Protein backbone atom coordinates (compact mmCIF):
# COMPACT_ATOMS: atom_id res chain seq x y z
CA UNK A 1 -31.96 -52.34 42.09
CA UNK A 2 -34.95 -52.28 40.01
CA UNK A 3 -37.43 -49.42 40.28
CA UNK A 4 -40.72 -50.24 39.00
CA UNK A 5 -42.57 -47.04 37.30
CA UNK A 6 -46.19 -47.19 36.73
CA UNK A 7 -47.11 -46.25 33.35
CA UNK A 8 -50.92 -45.06 33.67
CA UNK A 9 -49.77 -42.32 35.84
CA UNK A 10 -48.18 -40.43 32.51
CA UNK A 11 -51.44 -40.54 30.67
CA UNK A 12 -53.35 -39.39 33.55
CA UNK A 13 -50.67 -36.30 33.88
CA UNK A 14 -51.15 -35.66 30.07
CA UNK A 15 -54.96 -35.12 30.56
CA UNK A 16 -54.31 -32.92 33.61
CA UNK A 17 -52.13 -30.79 31.35
CA UNK A 18 -54.22 -30.54 28.34
CA UNK A 19 -57.39 -29.75 30.41
CA UNK A 20 -57.00 -28.51 33.71
CA UNK A 21 -54.10 -25.94 33.08
CA UNK A 22 -55.50 -22.47 32.61
CA UNK A 23 -54.60 -21.24 29.22
CA UNK A 24 -53.27 -17.95 30.47
CA UNK A 25 -50.39 -19.92 32.39
CA UNK A 26 -49.56 -20.45 35.98
CA UNK A 27 -49.40 -17.77 38.33
CA UNK A 28 -46.28 -17.31 40.63
CA UNK A 29 -46.63 -18.43 44.17
CA UNK A 30 -46.45 -15.78 46.72
CA UNK A 31 -43.38 -15.46 48.80
CA UNK A 32 -44.90 -13.51 51.91
CA UNK A 33 -48.44 -14.29 53.03
CA UNK A 34 -50.11 -11.38 55.30
CA UNK A 35 -46.76 -9.63 55.33
CA UNK A 36 -44.81 -12.74 56.80
CA UNK A 37 -42.63 -15.07 54.61
CA UNK A 38 -43.87 -18.69 53.91
CA UNK A 39 -42.25 -21.24 56.17
CA UNK A 40 -39.82 -23.15 54.51
CA UNK A 41 -36.84 -25.42 55.73
CA UNK A 42 -34.83 -24.68 52.28
CA UNK A 43 -32.38 -22.19 54.49
CA UNK A 44 -31.42 -24.94 57.37
CA UNK A 45 -31.21 -27.64 54.60
CA UNK A 46 -28.68 -25.37 52.38
CA UNK A 47 -26.37 -25.77 55.46
CA UNK A 48 -27.06 -29.46 56.45
CA UNK A 49 -27.27 -31.16 53.39
CA UNK A 50 -23.42 -30.82 52.66
CA UNK A 51 -22.81 -32.82 55.85
CA UNK A 52 -24.55 -35.92 54.36
CA UNK A 53 -22.81 -38.27 52.15
CA UNK A 54 -23.59 -41.27 50.09
CA UNK A 55 -21.66 -44.40 50.84
CA UNK A 56 -20.95 -46.86 48.16
CA UNK A 57 -19.24 -50.54 49.17
CA UNK A 58 -17.97 -53.30 47.50
CA UNK A 59 -16.76 -56.54 48.42
CA UNK A 60 -15.48 -59.88 47.00
CA UNK A 61 -17.70 -62.82 47.73
CA UNK A 62 -17.41 -66.52 46.96
CA UNK A 63 -18.93 -67.70 44.26
CA UNK A 64 -21.32 -70.66 44.76
CA UNK A 65 -20.56 -73.55 42.52
CA UNK A 66 -22.95 -76.06 41.29
CA UNK A 67 -22.38 -78.93 43.50
CA UNK A 68 -21.48 -81.37 40.36
CA UNK A 69 -18.69 -78.94 39.67
CA UNK A 70 -17.40 -79.65 43.16
CA UNK A 71 -15.78 -82.72 42.18
CA UNK A 72 -11.77 -81.89 41.32
CA UNK A 73 -11.93 -84.37 38.44
CA UNK A 74 -14.79 -82.04 36.74
CA UNK A 75 -13.19 -79.03 37.80
CA UNK A 76 -10.06 -80.09 35.91
CA UNK A 77 -11.97 -81.44 33.23
CA UNK A 78 -13.83 -78.24 32.45
CA UNK A 79 -10.92 -75.87 33.29
CA UNK A 80 -12.72 -74.35 36.12
CA UNK A 81 -10.31 -72.18 38.14
CA UNK A 82 -10.59 -72.60 42.24
CA UNK A 83 -11.85 -69.64 44.42
CA UNK A 84 -14.27 -67.86 42.01
CA UNK A 85 -15.38 -64.68 43.51
CA UNK A 86 -18.12 -62.34 42.63
CA UNK A 87 -18.29 -58.75 43.44
CA UNK A 88 -21.33 -57.48 45.54
CA UNK A 89 -22.07 -53.55 45.99
CA UNK A 90 -24.38 -51.70 48.30
CA UNK A 91 -25.46 -48.47 48.95
CA UNK A 92 -26.06 -46.16 51.99
CA UNK A 93 -25.53 -42.81 53.59
CA UNK A 94 -23.47 -41.19 56.60
CA UNK A 95 -23.13 -38.04 58.48
CA UNK A 96 -19.47 -36.05 58.78
CA UNK A 97 -19.46 -35.14 62.45
CA UNK A 98 -15.93 -34.19 62.61
CA UNK A 99 -14.87 -31.79 59.77
CA UNK A 100 -11.45 -31.50 61.12
CA UNK A 101 -10.39 -35.33 61.00
CA UNK A 102 -12.88 -36.30 58.59
CA UNK A 103 -14.86 -38.61 60.42
CA UNK A 104 -18.36 -39.95 59.12
CA UNK A 105 -20.70 -41.77 61.21
CA UNK A 106 -22.42 -44.51 59.43
CA UNK A 107 -24.39 -47.77 60.05
CA UNK A 108 -22.28 -50.95 60.54
CA UNK A 109 -24.71 -52.78 58.12
CA UNK A 110 -23.87 -50.26 55.89
CA UNK A 111 -19.97 -50.79 55.43
CA UNK A 112 -20.11 -54.72 57.18
CA UNK A 113 -17.37 -56.84 55.51
CA UNK A 114 -16.66 -54.10 52.88
CA UNK A 115 -13.16 -54.20 50.96
CA UNK A 116 -13.54 -50.78 49.59
CA UNK A 117 -15.70 -47.80 51.01
CA UNK A 118 -16.40 -44.56 48.79
CA UNK A 119 -18.11 -41.44 50.05
CA UNK A 120 -19.48 -39.08 47.55
CA UNK A 121 -19.88 -35.56 48.87
CA UNK A 122 -22.58 -33.41 48.03
CA UNK A 123 -20.35 -31.24 45.96
CA UNK A 124 -19.61 -34.17 43.98
CA UNK A 125 -16.22 -35.09 45.18
CA UNK A 126 -15.97 -39.01 45.47
CA UNK A 127 -13.10 -39.86 48.16
CA UNK A 128 -12.08 -43.09 49.50
CA UNK A 129 -13.02 -43.85 53.07
CA UNK A 130 -10.78 -45.88 55.71
CA UNK A 131 -12.77 -47.99 58.57
CA UNK A 132 -11.89 -46.67 61.68
CA UNK A 133 -14.14 -48.83 64.09
CA UNK A 134 -17.17 -51.10 64.43
CA UNK A 135 -19.93 -51.81 66.76
CA UNK A 136 -22.20 -54.52 65.30
CA UNK A 137 -24.26 -54.96 68.79
CA UNK A 138 -25.70 -51.12 67.97
CA UNK A 139 -25.26 -51.25 64.56
CA UNK A 140 -22.57 -48.26 64.64
CA UNK A 141 -19.37 -47.55 62.41
CA UNK A 142 -17.04 -44.63 62.14
CA UNK A 143 -15.36 -44.14 58.95
CA UNK A 144 -12.91 -41.32 57.73
CA UNK A 145 -12.04 -39.23 54.78
CA UNK A 146 -9.36 -37.05 53.93
CA UNK A 147 -10.30 -33.48 52.21
CA UNK A 148 -10.54 -29.94 52.81
CA UNK A 149 -13.90 -27.99 52.99
CA UNK A 150 -15.97 -30.36 54.60
CA UNK A 151 -19.14 -29.43 56.62
CA UNK A 152 -19.85 -31.29 59.88
CA UNK A 153 -23.50 -31.20 61.44
CA UNK A 154 -23.76 -29.85 64.96
CA UNK A 155 -25.01 -32.66 67.44
CA UNK A 156 -27.96 -32.06 69.65
CA UNK A 157 -28.81 -33.16 72.91
CA UNK A 158 -31.38 -35.89 71.70
CA UNK A 159 -32.62 -36.56 75.39
CA UNK A 160 -34.10 -33.19 74.86
CA UNK A 161 -36.43 -34.46 71.93
CA UNK A 162 -40.20 -34.89 72.67
CA UNK A 163 -43.03 -36.62 70.66
CA UNK A 164 -44.14 -34.11 68.39
CA UNK A 165 -41.06 -32.69 67.27
CA UNK A 166 -40.52 -31.99 63.89
CA UNK A 167 -37.53 -33.63 62.29
CA UNK A 168 -36.26 -34.10 58.60
CA UNK A 169 -34.60 -36.96 57.14
CA UNK A 170 -31.66 -36.71 54.89
CA UNK A 171 -30.11 -39.78 52.94
CA UNK A 172 -29.33 -41.66 49.87
CA UNK A 173 -32.84 -43.91 49.39
CA UNK A 174 -32.31 -46.51 46.38
CA UNK A 175 -29.33 -44.84 45.40
CA UNK A 176 -31.43 -41.92 43.44
CA UNK A 177 -28.84 -39.24 45.21
CA UNK A 178 -29.34 -37.04 48.21
CA UNK A 179 -33.07 -36.67 49.16
CA UNK A 180 -35.02 -35.32 52.03
CA UNK A 181 -38.30 -36.18 54.02
CA UNK A 182 -39.78 -34.50 56.85
CA UNK A 183 -41.93 -35.57 59.51
CA UNK A 184 -42.48 -35.93 63.33
CA UNK A 185 -40.86 -37.75 66.39
CA UNK A 186 -43.64 -40.35 66.82
CA UNK A 187 -42.33 -42.17 69.79
CA UNK A 188 -39.12 -42.41 71.87
CA UNK A 189 -37.23 -45.33 73.46
CA UNK A 190 -38.53 -47.95 71.21
CA UNK A 191 -36.96 -51.45 72.25
CA UNK A 192 -37.44 -55.13 72.38
CA UNK A 193 -37.67 -54.85 68.30
CA UNK A 194 -35.16 -57.65 67.47
CA UNK A 195 -33.24 -55.21 65.32
CA UNK A 196 -30.06 -54.81 67.32
CA UNK A 197 -28.59 -56.07 70.35
CA UNK A 198 -28.85 -52.66 72.01
CA UNK A 199 -32.30 -50.55 71.20
CA UNK A 200 -33.34 -47.21 72.18
CA UNK A 201 -34.71 -46.02 68.82
CA UNK A 202 -36.17 -42.89 67.99
CA UNK A 203 -39.17 -43.41 65.74
CA UNK A 204 -40.49 -41.29 63.34
CA UNK A 205 -43.03 -40.85 60.43
CA UNK A 206 -40.36 -39.27 58.16
CA UNK A 207 -40.21 -41.42 55.08
CA UNK A 208 -36.79 -43.68 55.39
CA UNK A 209 -36.24 -46.03 52.57
CA UNK A 210 -33.29 -48.62 51.94
CA UNK A 211 -30.36 -46.72 51.17
CA UNK A 212 -31.08 -43.94 53.65
CA UNK A 213 -29.48 -46.26 56.59
CA UNK A 214 -26.87 -44.34 58.27
CA UNK A 215 -28.28 -40.78 57.03
CA UNK A 216 -29.27 -37.69 59.50
CA UNK A 217 -32.07 -37.02 61.30
CA UNK A 218 -32.18 -33.27 62.38
CA UNK A 219 -34.11 -30.81 63.83
CA UNK A 220 -35.67 -27.62 62.46
CA UNK A 221 -32.46 -26.02 63.68
CA UNK A 222 -30.32 -28.65 61.56
CA UNK A 223 -28.91 -30.14 64.15
CA UNK A 224 -28.31 -33.77 64.31
CA UNK A 225 -30.63 -35.63 66.56
CA UNK A 226 -30.48 -39.44 65.41
CA UNK A 227 -29.20 -41.54 62.68
CA UNK A 228 -31.65 -43.45 60.50
CA UNK A 229 -31.29 -47.13 60.84
CA UNK A 230 -34.13 -49.27 59.77
CA UNK A 231 -38.29 -49.40 59.06
CA UNK A 232 -40.99 -51.06 59.73
CA UNK A 233 -41.88 -52.48 56.18
CA UNK A 234 -44.26 -55.73 56.36
CA UNK A 235 -45.47 -54.61 52.83
CA UNK A 236 -41.93 -54.37 51.44
CA UNK A 237 -42.74 -50.38 51.04
CA UNK A 238 -42.65 -47.46 53.56
CA UNK A 239 -45.37 -47.56 55.88
CA UNK A 240 -44.21 -44.36 57.82
CA UNK A 241 -42.48 -46.03 60.82
CA UNK A 242 -38.86 -45.50 61.03
CA UNK A 243 -36.38 -45.87 63.57
CA UNK A 244 -33.11 -43.88 64.37
CA UNK A 245 -30.46 -44.31 66.80
CA UNK A 246 -30.26 -41.28 69.09
CA UNK A 247 -27.40 -38.73 68.72
CA UNK A 248 -26.54 -39.27 72.33
CA UNK A 249 -25.96 -43.12 71.94
CA UNK A 250 -24.52 -42.76 68.44
CA UNK A 251 -21.85 -40.27 69.94
CA UNK A 252 -20.89 -42.21 73.08
CA UNK A 253 -20.09 -45.04 70.77
CA UNK A 254 -18.21 -43.01 68.20
CA UNK A 255 -15.74 -42.00 71.08
CA UNK A 256 -14.80 -45.44 71.72
CA UNK A 257 -14.65 -46.47 68.36
CA UNK A 258 -12.53 -43.53 67.52
CA UNK A 259 -10.00 -44.41 70.60
CA UNK A 260 -10.20 -48.12 70.63
CA UNK A 261 -11.86 -49.16 67.09
CA UNK A 262 -14.26 -51.30 68.91
CA UNK A 263 -16.60 -51.00 72.04
CA UNK A 264 -15.32 -52.71 75.11
CA UNK A 265 -18.29 -53.41 76.97
CA UNK A 266 -18.08 -54.42 80.46
CA UNK A 267 -20.03 -56.57 83.01
CA UNK A 268 -22.25 -55.84 85.49
CA UNK A 269 -23.30 -59.48 86.53
CA UNK A 270 -27.06 -59.05 86.76
CA UNK A 271 -30.34 -60.49 85.14
CA UNK A 272 -33.36 -58.79 85.16
CA UNK A 273 -36.83 -58.92 84.54
CA UNK A 274 -39.27 -56.22 83.71
CA UNK A 275 -41.50 -54.91 86.85
CA UNK A 276 -45.03 -55.98 85.96
CA UNK A 277 -48.21 -54.99 87.83
CA UNK A 278 -48.43 -58.13 89.57
CA UNK A 279 -44.79 -57.81 90.94
CA UNK A 280 -45.31 -54.53 92.00
CA UNK A 281 -48.22 -55.36 93.97
CA UNK A 282 -46.40 -58.19 95.26
CA UNK A 283 -43.84 -56.20 96.60
CA UNK A 284 -46.13 -53.61 97.74
CA UNK A 285 -44.74 -50.79 95.51
CA UNK A 286 -46.53 -47.95 94.07
CA UNK A 287 -43.85 -47.10 91.29
CA UNK A 288 -44.36 -49.77 88.41
CA UNK A 289 -41.79 -48.65 86.48
CA UNK A 290 -38.00 -50.54 86.67
CA UNK A 291 -36.81 -54.12 86.45
CA UNK A 292 -36.58 -56.95 89.30
CA UNK A 293 -33.07 -58.58 89.58
CA UNK A 294 -33.77 -62.30 88.91
CA UNK A 295 -29.97 -63.58 89.16
CA UNK A 296 -26.55 -62.11 90.38
CA UNK A 297 -23.16 -63.63 89.18
CA UNK A 298 -21.10 -64.74 91.92
CA UNK A 299 -18.02 -62.25 92.42
CA UNK A 300 -19.44 -59.78 90.00
CA UNK A 301 -19.35 -56.14 90.26
CA UNK A 302 -23.25 -56.33 91.26
CA UNK A 303 -22.46 -58.85 93.92
CA UNK A 304 -19.53 -56.83 95.21
CA UNK A 305 -21.82 -53.85 95.39
CA UNK A 306 -24.25 -55.37 97.51
CA UNK A 307 -27.21 -55.86 95.09
CA UNK A 308 -29.13 -58.93 95.71
CA UNK A 309 -31.94 -60.95 93.71
CA UNK A 310 -35.41 -59.42 94.22
CA UNK A 311 -34.15 -55.87 94.13
CA UNK A 312 -35.58 -53.43 91.76
CA UNK A 313 -33.88 -51.24 89.86
CA UNK A 314 -35.35 -48.07 88.92
CA UNK A 315 -32.77 -45.70 87.87
CA UNK A 316 -28.90 -46.07 86.22
CA UNK A 317 -26.66 -43.24 86.74
CA UNK A 318 -29.60 -41.19 87.80
CA UNK A 319 -31.46 -42.11 84.40
CA UNK A 320 -35.00 -43.59 84.84
CA UNK A 321 -35.15 -47.17 83.87
CA UNK A 322 -38.37 -48.13 82.75
CA UNK A 323 -37.73 -51.76 81.91
CA UNK A 324 -34.98 -54.60 81.53
CA UNK A 325 -34.26 -53.29 78.05
CA UNK A 326 -33.50 -49.90 79.72
CA UNK A 327 -30.97 -51.39 81.96
CA UNK A 328 -29.41 -53.62 79.26
CA UNK A 329 -29.02 -50.39 76.94
CA UNK A 330 -27.57 -48.20 79.62
CA UNK A 331 -25.24 -51.08 80.72
CA UNK A 332 -24.10 -51.78 77.52
CA UNK A 333 -23.00 -48.27 76.82
CA UNK A 334 -20.67 -48.41 79.53
CA UNK A 335 -17.04 -49.78 79.39
CA UNK A 336 -14.66 -51.61 81.44
CA UNK A 337 -13.50 -49.51 84.57
CA UNK A 338 -16.41 -47.42 84.39
CA UNK A 339 -18.33 -46.41 87.78
CA UNK A 340 -22.20 -46.70 87.67
CA UNK A 341 -24.78 -45.55 90.36
CA UNK A 342 -27.95 -47.82 90.55
CA UNK A 343 -30.91 -46.66 92.27
CA UNK A 344 -33.03 -49.44 93.69
CA UNK A 345 -35.59 -50.75 96.24
CA UNK A 346 -35.15 -53.01 98.54
CA UNK A 347 -38.80 -54.09 100.29
CA UNK A 348 -40.07 -50.23 100.77
CA UNK A 349 -36.98 -48.74 101.16
CA UNK A 350 -34.87 -46.76 98.18
CA UNK A 351 -31.25 -47.25 98.13
CA UNK A 352 -28.29 -46.56 96.20
CA UNK A 353 -25.38 -48.80 95.08
CA UNK A 354 -22.11 -47.81 93.27
CA UNK A 355 -20.04 -50.69 90.95
CA UNK A 356 -17.24 -50.41 88.75
CA UNK A 357 -17.90 -51.97 85.33
CA UNK A 358 -15.66 -55.41 85.35
CA UNK A 359 -14.13 -57.18 82.26
CA UNK A 360 -16.48 -60.38 81.10
CA UNK A 361 -14.68 -63.82 82.87
CA UNK A 362 -14.88 -67.19 81.69
CA UNK A 363 -17.80 -68.26 83.74
CA UNK A 364 -19.34 -71.73 83.53
CA UNK A 365 -23.20 -71.43 84.14
CA UNK A 366 -25.46 -73.77 84.91
CA UNK A 367 -28.20 -73.48 82.01
CA UNK A 368 -31.23 -74.27 84.32
CA UNK A 369 -30.99 -71.20 86.17
CA UNK A 370 -31.59 -69.22 83.23
CA UNK A 371 -34.10 -71.62 81.89
CA UNK A 372 -35.85 -74.65 82.56
CA UNK A 373 -35.23 -76.15 78.98
CA UNK A 374 -31.79 -75.70 79.73
CA UNK A 375 -31.66 -77.93 82.76
CA UNK A 376 -28.83 -80.45 82.23
CA UNK A 377 -26.18 -77.82 80.42
CA UNK A 378 -23.35 -75.96 81.29
CA UNK A 379 -22.61 -72.70 79.30
CA UNK A 380 -19.57 -70.73 79.07
CA UNK A 381 -17.52 -68.56 76.56
CA UNK A 382 -16.06 -69.91 73.44
CA UNK A 383 -12.23 -69.51 72.87
CA UNK A 384 -10.91 -66.37 71.08
CA UNK A 385 -10.70 -67.74 67.57
CA UNK A 386 -14.02 -68.68 67.74
CA UNK A 387 -17.17 -66.89 66.85
CA UNK A 388 -18.84 -64.66 69.63
CA UNK A 389 -21.56 -66.65 71.44
CA UNK A 390 -22.33 -68.90 74.33
CA UNK A 391 -20.89 -71.91 74.42
CA UNK A 392 -22.42 -75.40 75.59
CA UNK A 393 -19.40 -76.83 77.69
CA UNK A 394 -21.21 -80.02 78.52
CA UNK A 395 -25.10 -81.39 77.90
CA UNK A 396 -26.37 -84.21 80.01
CA UNK A 397 -27.71 -86.54 77.55
CA UNK A 398 -31.14 -87.00 79.43
CA UNK A 399 -31.66 -83.28 78.97
CA UNK A 400 -33.93 -81.62 76.63
CA UNK A 401 -31.06 -79.89 75.07
CA UNK A 402 -29.57 -83.06 74.07
CA UNK A 403 -32.94 -84.93 72.63
CA UNK A 404 -33.28 -82.09 70.10
CA UNK A 405 -30.05 -82.09 68.64
CA UNK A 406 -27.89 -79.99 70.66
CA UNK A 407 -24.23 -81.18 71.34
CA UNK A 408 -20.99 -80.08 73.52
CA UNK A 409 -19.29 -77.27 71.62
CA UNK A 410 -22.40 -75.69 69.88
CA UNK A 411 -22.31 -72.10 70.13
CA UNK A 412 -25.61 -70.07 70.67
CA UNK A 413 -25.18 -66.86 68.94
CA UNK A 414 -28.95 -65.41 69.11
CA UNK A 415 -31.49 -66.29 71.39
CA UNK A 416 -35.45 -64.98 70.97
CA UNK A 417 -34.13 -62.97 67.94
CA UNK A 418 -31.36 -61.33 70.03
CA UNK A 419 -27.69 -61.60 69.23
CA UNK A 420 -25.90 -62.74 72.45
CA UNK A 421 -22.10 -62.35 73.09
CA UNK A 422 -21.90 -63.99 76.61
CA UNK A 423 -23.69 -65.77 79.51
CA UNK A 424 -25.28 -62.43 80.70
CA UNK A 425 -26.64 -61.05 77.53
CA UNK A 426 -28.35 -64.39 77.23
CA UNK A 427 -29.73 -64.07 80.37
CA UNK A 428 -31.15 -60.87 79.81
CA UNK A 429 -33.09 -61.95 76.64
CA UNK A 430 -34.52 -65.29 78.20
CA UNK A 431 -38.02 -65.35 79.90
CA UNK A 432 -38.01 -68.54 82.27
CA UNK A 433 -41.86 -68.82 81.55
CA UNK A 434 -42.03 -68.53 77.71
CA UNK A 435 -40.40 -70.68 75.00
CA UNK A 436 -36.52 -70.23 74.04
CA UNK A 437 -35.52 -70.11 70.19
CA UNK A 438 -31.92 -70.22 69.47
CA UNK A 439 -29.91 -69.71 66.53
CA UNK A 440 -26.72 -72.06 67.12
CA UNK A 441 -23.48 -72.33 65.21
CA UNK A 442 -21.82 -75.89 64.52
CA UNK A 443 -18.42 -75.31 62.88
CA UNK A 444 -19.51 -73.63 59.68
CA UNK A 445 -22.97 -74.18 59.89
CA UNK A 446 -25.87 -72.47 61.65
CA UNK A 447 -29.58 -73.78 62.69
CA UNK A 448 -32.45 -72.94 64.40
CA UNK A 449 -33.62 -75.00 67.69
CA UNK A 450 -36.77 -74.55 69.75
CA UNK A 451 -36.67 -75.38 73.43
CA UNK A 452 -39.74 -75.83 75.50
């Protein structure tokens, strides 16, 4: 990575030193002010920084050949070997969350498809790391190192965070080495950004840059409150808007990754849409937070629990749901066999339903029930040896989908910028009244299609 230095800062610094520095030299900064020690996060960082590691990865990728050299004759003539590979390296950060077992939490995109993972500790030790498990949908991964004298961060209850709390980001930006930045919690519960499949971000103005991914966001007690994951950078630089995965969410996923190597998400069987003021007025509700059930899968856990289209979900497991994104995140953190309590309104009456998260089955759904532009399609789940997504099992030649070039066996892998793995997830991100942009995989190729 090239870091551009601006040369005109150097003479400016020299001028300052020549003309603005007192001849008598620098005065020492006071250690106390009004008999009180000056505030500093240095003592906390001395304890916390050893728990944050720098992660470097390498992976071999197939070199892209000149099309003229794909002909076997030319390859033989020029003695070009088959299957040339190039090595790609990347840098990131990680957080030791279990010192006895050497477990490190990081982002999936930091170690994705890596052939070799190495963790560098604060004391300079470089250790090979083993991949334990990944969850691409939430962008969380767990790796493991074997070493003595490791330091783990204590874990905070991130649900107790408030906007305005001071936080510190520790990571490895631009591969410079361990770096600390500070700021405050700017917002909580950020979702609908299209960054990950499951989003419930802490927003902070602590500077987060490339290489900080997977690093720690800590409070002033040195407790882990979030994992730095993404930045909003329309100009390519830091603009004071960074996002971190809350510690509670990351630790819940971590348990599943250590136990199973993956997150075994289940199925509730509902599609929801946000409760707008207009819908709240139509239902004669004072509360305007929640989500309206627009569709129930037949014989699904939701159907067996007695939920119906038109019910308004306001809480999941006693946690308030502000919108459909909240419900998707809450259900997405549950696993097959988990019990879930759903508070909802049917008319003006508040009720509670109990459901058991079920295993996704091979369902064939009429696409027209999800979006008018999918009328004339039958949607299902690809086979196990195919990419995860939503399969076009049938497409009517008279349909919109056929006219824009979609064909049976095409697989929707994302919709409206959200990764989708099944019909339920597709239903969550589709707005029947809006447009639909899908990323479709056909064999080894992928393309975007716009349905209106």
